[in-house]
Each structure stands twice: as structure tokens, then as C-alpha cells.
Protein backbone atom coordinates (compact mmCIF):
# COMPACT_ATOMS: atom_id res chain seq x y z
CA MET A 1 59.86 97.29 111.29
CA SER A 2 62.35 99.91 111.09
CA ALA A 3 65.98 99.73 111.90
CA ASP A 4 67.27 101.63 114.98
CA CYS A 5 70.02 104.03 113.66
CA SER A 6 71.47 104.39 117.22
CA GLU A 7 72.72 100.63 116.97
CA PRO A 8 76.56 100.59 116.03
CA VAL A 9 77.41 98.73 112.88
CA PRO A 10 79.75 95.75 113.84
CA ALA A 11 83.51 96.31 112.47
CA PRO A 12 84.45 93.85 109.79
CA SER A 13 86.26 90.91 110.96
CA PRO A 14 90.02 90.54 110.21
CA ALA A 15 89.24 87.75 107.76
CA ALA A 16 87.01 90.26 105.84
CA GLY A 17 89.75 92.77 105.58
CA ARG A 18 92.19 90.16 104.26
CA MET A 19 89.72 88.85 101.64
CA ARG A 20 89.16 92.36 100.64
CA ARG A 21 92.88 93.10 100.32
CA SER A 22 93.25 89.91 98.53
CA ARG A 23 90.57 90.71 95.77
CA LYS A 24 92.13 94.00 95.31
CA ARG A 25 95.51 92.55 94.58
CA TRP A 26 93.99 90.05 92.05
CA ARG A 27 92.12 92.90 90.41
CA GLU A 28 95.36 94.99 90.22
CA ALA A 29 97.36 91.94 88.91
CA LYS A 30 94.61 91.15 86.24
CA GLN A 31 94.85 94.95 85.01
CA ARG A 32 98.72 94.72 84.80
CA HIS A 33 98.50 91.27 82.93
CA ALA A 34 95.92 92.73 80.40
CA SER A 35 98.25 95.61 79.66
CA GLY A 36 101.19 93.11 78.92
CA ILE A 37 103.14 93.66 82.21
CA ARG A 38 104.12 90.46 84.00
CA ASP A 39 105.26 90.33 87.66
CA VAL A 40 108.09 88.03 88.54
CA GLN A 41 110.19 87.61 91.60
CA VAL A 42 114.04 87.46 91.20
CA ALA A 43 116.33 86.35 93.96
CA LEU A 44 119.67 88.51 93.80
CA GLN A 45 122.71 87.68 95.59
CA ALA A 46 124.97 90.41 97.23
CA THR A 47 127.58 90.06 94.50
CA GLU A 48 124.84 90.63 91.77
CA ILE A 49 123.84 93.78 93.66
CA ASP A 50 127.48 94.84 93.79
CA LEU A 51 127.65 94.63 90.02
CA LEU A 52 124.49 96.76 89.66
CA VAL A 53 126.33 99.32 91.67
CA GLN A 54 129.54 99.11 89.82
CA THR A 55 127.87 99.43 86.55
CA GLY A 56 125.97 102.45 87.54
CA PHE A 57 122.53 100.95 87.33
CA LEU A 58 121.90 101.31 90.90
CA ASP A 59 123.10 103.91 93.73
CA GLU A 60 125.19 102.35 96.66
CA LYS A 61 122.54 104.13 99.04
CA ASN A 62 119.56 102.45 97.39
CA ARG A 63 120.99 98.82 97.38
CA ASP A 64 118.36 97.72 100.10
CA ASP A 65 115.57 99.41 98.31
CA PRO A 66 113.15 96.94 96.47
CA GLU A 67 111.89 99.69 94.12
CA ALA A 68 115.38 100.92 93.18
CA LEU A 69 116.45 97.47 92.52
CA ARG A 70 113.38 96.84 90.44
CA SER A 71 114.31 100.18 88.52
CA ALA A 72 117.95 98.99 88.09
CA ILE A 73 117.08 95.37 86.66
CA ARG A 74 114.60 97.14 84.39
CA GLY A 75 117.45 99.53 83.26
CA LEU A 76 119.77 96.76 82.75
CA ILE A 77 117.27 94.97 80.62
CA TYR A 78 116.69 97.84 78.30
CA TRP A 79 120.60 98.41 78.10
CA ALA A 80 120.98 94.88 77.14
CA MET A 81 118.37 95.21 74.61
CA GLN A 82 120.12 98.21 72.89
CA ASP A 83 122.28 95.91 70.77
CA SER A 84 119.42 93.82 69.65
CA ALA A 85 116.69 93.98 67.17
CA LEU A 86 114.09 93.80 69.87
CA ILE A 87 114.83 97.40 70.88
CA ASP A 88 113.28 98.83 67.59
CA ALA A 89 109.92 97.20 68.45
CA TYR A 90 109.69 99.28 71.82
CA GLU A 91 110.15 102.76 70.13
CA LEU A 92 111.77 104.35 73.26
CA VAL A 93 111.58 108.03 73.20
CA PRO A 94 113.58 110.52 75.17
CA CYS A 95 112.35 111.37 78.66
CA PRO A 96 110.78 114.82 78.68
CA ASP A 97 112.34 115.45 82.04
CA CYS A 98 115.89 114.42 81.61
CA GLY A 99 115.89 114.25 77.72
CA GLY A 100 117.07 110.56 77.72
CA GLN A 101 120.47 111.50 79.68
CA GLY A 102 119.52 109.95 83.09
CA THR A 103 120.77 106.63 84.44
CA ALA A 104 118.64 103.55 85.20
CA HIS A 105 116.79 105.02 88.02
CA CYS A 106 115.26 107.85 85.81
CA CYS A 107 111.83 107.43 84.83
CA ASP A 108 111.82 103.69 85.95
CA GLY A 109 114.32 102.98 83.18
CA ILE A 110 111.72 103.71 80.46
CA CYS A 111 113.38 106.59 78.65
CA GLU A 112 116.45 106.04 76.53
CA GLN A 113 119.44 105.02 78.62
CA PRO A 114 123.10 105.97 78.05
CA ALA A 115 125.41 103.25 77.38
CA VAL A 116 126.94 102.12 80.38
CA GLU A 117 130.50 100.56 80.56
CA VAL A 118 130.74 97.43 82.38
CA LEU A 119 133.72 97.43 84.79
CA ASN A 120 136.25 94.72 83.99
CA GLU A 121 138.30 93.53 86.94
């Protein structure tokens, strides 16, 4: 018996779509984990975000942007590591676009970052 090509194929159920997206997220997380990247969630208070802005790691206009916050925190971590022996293990190289002169949002904080003065009040 041959299948009739004129019959419409039923659309996938919402549950099948959720499962497909879930499997995709798991595959992506597994790939990130294998490359040494770990995902963590960090709750930030408004005062902590204010300090990121005051110290120059975050632009005021981006204070509610999750991607900008992620980049600012990554920049803060790299800045904090500058005085530690760990920084040598990462062999940071200047950014080809900014020459390492950018702020924390530049290149997701991967390039060499300038020293940022912490504002004392």
C-alpha cells in the first residue's frame, strides 16, 4: 500500500516542541561544559549594579540588560585577577579591534582590560 501524499502531516504537539528545545539546551550546555565553561546564576542587588556602573564596568543605560551585566561581571573578574598569579595562566592577548584599550564590555571582557579605579566614597 502506498501513502497518499495529499494527506497533511500533523503538526508536532507543543510537548514535542518543548522536549526538542530542552534537548537542544542540554546539548549546548554539555558542549560548553566540555570546553571548560560553567554557567552560574548570580542574583545582583541594585546597589551592586550601581557599583558596576560607578567603577566603569557597566554603562548606566545597560543596567537592565542581562548580556551587559554578564559582560560586566566577567570584566570585573578579569580585573580582580590582574593582581593574582592566576592571570598568567590565562595568557590574555590584546584585542585586535581595540588593542586592549576597551572597557569591560569590549570583546566580552576577554581582551586585556585597563585598570579601573574603584571609587571610594
